[in-house]
Amino acid sequence: MKSEKAIQNEILLALSQNGCKVFRTNAGEVRTKDGRVVKLLPKGFPDIAGFRMSDGKAVFVEVKNERGRLRPEQVVFGNLLQKFPVIYGVARSADEAIQLIKE
């Protein structure tokens, strides 16, 4: 089974080659070596965010492997995004991500 990291890299490349500017995002928080806590994006924020260059429409992709399931925070964030005119979806492959931006 392919790792989510490998799938994310494939999706980033595929979307970039298909008219999008996309970036890997990090959510939650991390602790630095000296003990400070750095807050990142909110929990549940999709793994990939960016925009479709043809029209500037925002793109958000939550990446899962074949067995991966959405965590409750990801469901909440996805439901929020679906209320707006953005492209959002869960992708388990580069092909699924490309389908998202073409629909």
Protein backbone atom coordinates (compact mmCIF):
# COMPACT_ATOMS: atom_id res chain seq x y z
CA MET A 1 0.00 0.00 0.00
CA LYS A 2 1.29 3.43 -0.96
CA SER A 3 1.91 5.94 1.82
CA GLU A 4 -0.10 9.16 2.04
CA LYS A 5 3.15 11.11 1.64
CA ALA A 6 3.88 9.36 -1.67
CA ILE A 7 0.31 9.99 -2.86
CA GLN A 8 0.56 13.66 -1.80
CA ASN A 9 3.75 14.09 -3.83
CA GLU A 10 2.12 12.50 -6.88
CA ILE A 11 -0.93 14.75 -6.50
CA LEU A 12 1.18 17.90 -6.08
CA LEU A 13 3.04 17.08 -9.30
CA ALA A 14 -0.09 16.11 -11.25
CA LEU A 15 -2.04 19.22 -10.25
CA SER A 16 0.95 21.44 -11.04
CA GLN A 17 1.13 19.85 -14.50
CA ASN A 18 -2.61 20.41 -14.99
CA GLY A 19 -2.96 24.13 -14.47
CA CYS A 20 -2.84 24.56 -10.69
CA LYS A 21 -0.50 26.21 -8.21
CA VAL A 22 -0.68 24.02 -5.13
CA PHE A 23 1.17 23.70 -1.86
CA ARG A 24 1.52 21.08 0.88
CA THR A 25 0.04 22.36 4.13
CA ASN A 26 0.62 21.41 7.75
CA ALA A 27 -2.03 21.60 10.45
CA GLY A 28 -1.98 21.35 14.23
CA GLU A 29 1.09 22.34 16.21
CA VAL A 30 4.73 21.38 16.61
CA ARG A 31 7.17 21.75 19.47
CA THR A 32 10.59 23.22 18.71
CA LYS A 33 13.83 21.83 20.15
CA ASP A 34 13.84 24.58 22.76
CA GLY A 35 10.29 23.67 23.87
CA ARG A 36 8.29 26.41 22.16
CA VAL A 37 4.96 25.47 20.59
CA VAL A 38 4.35 26.70 17.04
CA LYS A 39 0.72 26.70 15.93
CA LEU A 40 0.19 25.81 12.29
CA LEU A 41 -3.05 25.76 10.29
CA PRO A 42 -6.22 24.66 12.10
CA LYS A 43 -6.69 20.94 12.72
CA GLY A 44 -8.62 19.41 9.83
CA PHE A 45 -7.20 21.78 7.19
CA PRO A 46 -6.69 19.82 3.92
CA ASP A 47 -3.25 18.45 3.01
CA ILE A 48 -3.01 20.41 -0.25
CA ALA A 49 -4.21 23.95 -0.95
CA GLY A 50 -3.81 26.31 -3.86
CA PHE A 51 -5.69 27.61 -6.88
CA ARG A 52 -6.59 26.76 -10.46
CA MET A 53 -4.71 29.19 -12.68
CA SER A 54 -7.37 29.38 -15.40
CA ASP A 55 -9.90 31.11 -13.15
CA GLY A 56 -8.25 31.61 -9.75
CA LYS A 57 -10.66 29.21 -8.05
CA ALA A 58 -9.33 27.90 -4.73
CA VAL A 59 -8.40 24.20 -4.59
CA PHE A 60 -8.29 22.07 -1.41
CA VAL A 61 -7.46 18.37 -1.44
CA GLU A 62 -7.51 16.01 1.53
CA VAL A 63 -5.20 13.08 0.73
CA LYS A 64 -5.87 9.57 1.97
CA ASN A 65 -4.40 6.21 1.06
CA GLU A 66 -6.68 3.30 0.14
CA ARG A 67 -7.52 2.58 3.79
CA GLY A 68 -7.43 6.12 5.13
CA ARG A 69 -10.49 7.66 6.78
CA LEU A 70 -11.30 11.26 7.54
CA ARG A 71 -10.81 12.34 11.15
CA PRO A 72 -13.70 14.26 12.74
CA GLU A 73 -11.86 17.59 12.34
CA GLN A 74 -11.36 16.87 8.64
CA VAL A 75 -15.07 16.14 8.18
CA VAL A 76 -15.98 19.44 9.88
CA PHE A 77 -13.49 21.41 7.77
CA GLY A 78 -14.63 19.69 4.57
CA ASN A 79 -18.27 20.50 5.35
CA LEU A 80 -17.31 24.14 5.86
CA LEU A 81 -15.43 24.32 2.55
CA GLN A 82 -18.35 22.78 0.66
CA LYS A 83 -20.50 25.78 1.61
CA PHE A 84 -18.33 28.02 -0.58
CA PRO A 85 -17.57 28.15 -4.32
CA VAL A 86 -14.22 26.36 -4.01
CA ILE A 87 -12.92 23.04 -5.27
CA TYR A 88 -12.71 20.54 -2.42
CA GLY A 89 -12.49 16.79 -2.22
CA VAL A 90 -10.76 13.72 -0.89
CA ALA A 91 -8.31 12.07 -3.29
CA ARG A 92 -6.61 8.70 -3.00
CA SER A 93 -4.63 9.12 -6.23
CA ALA A 94 -3.38 11.74 -8.66
CA ASP A 95 -6.14 10.74 -11.09
CA GLU A 96 -8.84 11.44 -8.48
CA ALA A 97 -7.28 14.85 -7.75
CA ILE A 98 -7.27 15.74 -11.44
CA GLN A 99 -10.94 14.75 -11.67
CA LEU A 100 -11.67 17.20 -8.85
CA ILE A 101 -10.19 20.16 -10.71
CA LYS A 102 -11.85 19.24 -14.01
CA GLU A 103 -15.41 18.87 -12.67
